[in-house]
Amino acid sequence: MTGKNINELASNLDTLNNIISWCDTNRLIIKKDKSLAFGFHHKLNKNIAFPDIILKDREITYTSQLKVLGAWIKCNLNWDLHAENLLKKLGKLCCAVKT
């Protein structure tokens, strides 16, 4: 969902309800206990207010980092977390090759 301000964003959440209804009609399951919200922003905007998202009587929590298609990304669109995770994996691989 997108919006220029918090009110526009909140009104656009009605689209989410339409998506949920479509999924229910077509027997697609949305696991509300595994659902997360990810709001991203420019790194200079530190205090962003995001609207509450209610999915089938459960509030969806926001996360500051998310793994999408194998890549880690932070809410300020910074790739440092992804690089850190790659370095950890490479470090483990190098140690395994040496032994």
Protein backbone atom coordinates (compact mmCIF):
# COMPACT_ATOMS: atom_id res chain seq x y z
CA MET A 1 0.00 0.00 0.00
CA THR A 2 1.21 3.50 -0.74
CA GLY A 3 0.17 6.97 0.26
CA LYS A 4 1.46 10.52 0.46
CA ASN A 5 0.38 10.85 4.09
CA ILE A 6 -0.91 8.69 6.94
CA ASN A 7 -4.59 9.35 6.10
CA GLU A 8 -4.18 8.37 2.45
CA LEU A 9 -2.25 5.27 3.48
CA ALA A 10 -4.93 4.25 5.97
CA SER A 11 -7.67 4.64 3.37
CA ASN A 12 -5.69 2.51 0.93
CA LEU A 13 -5.76 -0.34 3.44
CA ASP A 14 -9.32 -1.02 2.24
CA THR A 15 -7.62 -2.59 -0.78
CA LEU A 16 -6.05 -5.07 1.62
CA ASN A 17 -9.51 -6.13 2.77
CA ASN A 18 -10.50 -6.72 -0.87
CA ILE A 19 -7.42 -8.88 -1.36
CA ILE A 20 -8.26 -10.89 1.77
CA SER A 21 -11.83 -11.41 0.54
CA TRP A 22 -10.54 -12.57 -2.85
CA CYS A 23 -8.16 -15.03 -1.16
CA ASP A 24 -10.98 -16.40 1.00
CA THR A 25 -13.23 -16.81 -2.03
CA ASN A 26 -10.52 -18.65 -3.94
CA ARG A 27 -9.53 -20.80 -0.95
CA LEU A 28 -6.07 -19.28 -0.55
CA ILE A 29 -4.85 -19.26 3.02
CA ILE A 30 -3.16 -16.24 4.56
CA LYS A 31 -1.36 -17.22 7.75
CA LYS A 32 -2.05 -14.24 9.96
CA ASP A 33 0.36 -15.45 12.65
CA LYS A 34 3.20 -15.40 10.07
CA SER A 35 2.21 -12.13 8.37
CA LEU A 36 4.39 -9.07 8.89
CA ALA A 37 4.17 -5.47 7.72
CA PHE A 38 7.22 -3.75 6.34
CA GLY A 39 7.20 0.02 6.03
CA PHE A 40 10.24 1.54 4.42
CA HIS A 41 11.44 5.11 4.39
CA HIS A 42 14.38 7.33 3.54
CA LYS A 43 17.25 7.09 6.02
CA LEU A 44 16.82 10.74 7.05
CA ASN A 45 13.19 10.19 8.11
CA LYS A 46 13.54 8.45 11.45
CA ASN A 47 10.12 8.99 13.06
CA ILE A 48 7.58 7.64 10.61
CA ALA A 49 4.07 6.76 11.78
CA PHE A 50 2.57 3.76 10.03
CA PRO A 51 -1.14 2.90 10.28
CA ASP A 52 -2.33 -0.16 12.15
CA ILE A 53 -3.07 -3.12 9.91
CA ILE A 54 -5.80 -5.50 11.05
CA LEU A 55 -6.00 -8.88 9.31
CA LYS A 56 -8.96 -11.01 10.33
CA ASP A 57 -9.21 -9.48 13.84
CA ARG A 58 -5.43 -9.63 14.41
CA GLU A 59 -3.07 -6.68 14.32
CA ILE A 60 -0.12 -7.24 12.01
CA THR A 61 3.17 -6.14 13.52
CA TYR A 62 5.73 -4.08 11.67
CA THR A 63 9.28 -5.33 11.24
CA SER A 64 12.38 -3.24 10.59
CA GLN A 65 14.14 -5.89 8.52
CA LEU A 66 12.89 -8.48 6.08
CA LYS A 67 14.24 -11.26 3.91
CA VAL A 68 12.81 -11.10 0.39
CA LEU A 69 13.86 -13.63 -2.24
CA GLY A 70 17.02 -14.40 -0.28
CA ALA A 71 18.08 -10.78 0.19
CA TRP A 72 17.93 -9.03 3.56
CA ILE A 73 16.74 -5.42 3.51
CA LYS A 74 16.24 -2.87 6.28
CA CYS A 75 13.38 -0.39 6.57
CA ASN A 76 15.70 2.47 5.54
CA LEU A 77 16.52 0.52 2.34
CA ASN A 78 20.05 -0.20 3.55
CA TRP A 79 21.81 -3.36 2.36
CA ASP A 80 24.29 -3.60 5.26
CA LEU A 81 22.35 -6.42 6.92
CA HIS A 82 22.48 -8.46 3.70
CA ALA A 83 26.23 -7.93 3.42
CA GLU A 84 26.73 -8.97 7.07
CA ASN A 85 24.77 -12.18 6.54
CA LEU A 86 26.76 -13.00 3.39
CA LEU A 87 30.04 -12.45 5.26
CA LYS A 88 28.89 -14.81 8.03
CA LYS A 89 28.03 -17.50 5.49
CA LEU A 90 31.33 -17.02 3.67
CA GLY A 91 33.21 -17.20 6.96
CA LYS A 92 31.58 -20.52 7.80
CA LEU A 93 32.30 -21.83 4.31
CA CYS A 94 35.98 -20.81 4.51
CA CYS A 95 36.35 -22.49 7.92
CA ALA A 96 34.77 -25.67 6.58
CA VAL A 97 37.07 -25.74 3.56
CA LYS A 98 40.24 -25.29 5.72
CA THR A 99 39.46 -28.30 7.92
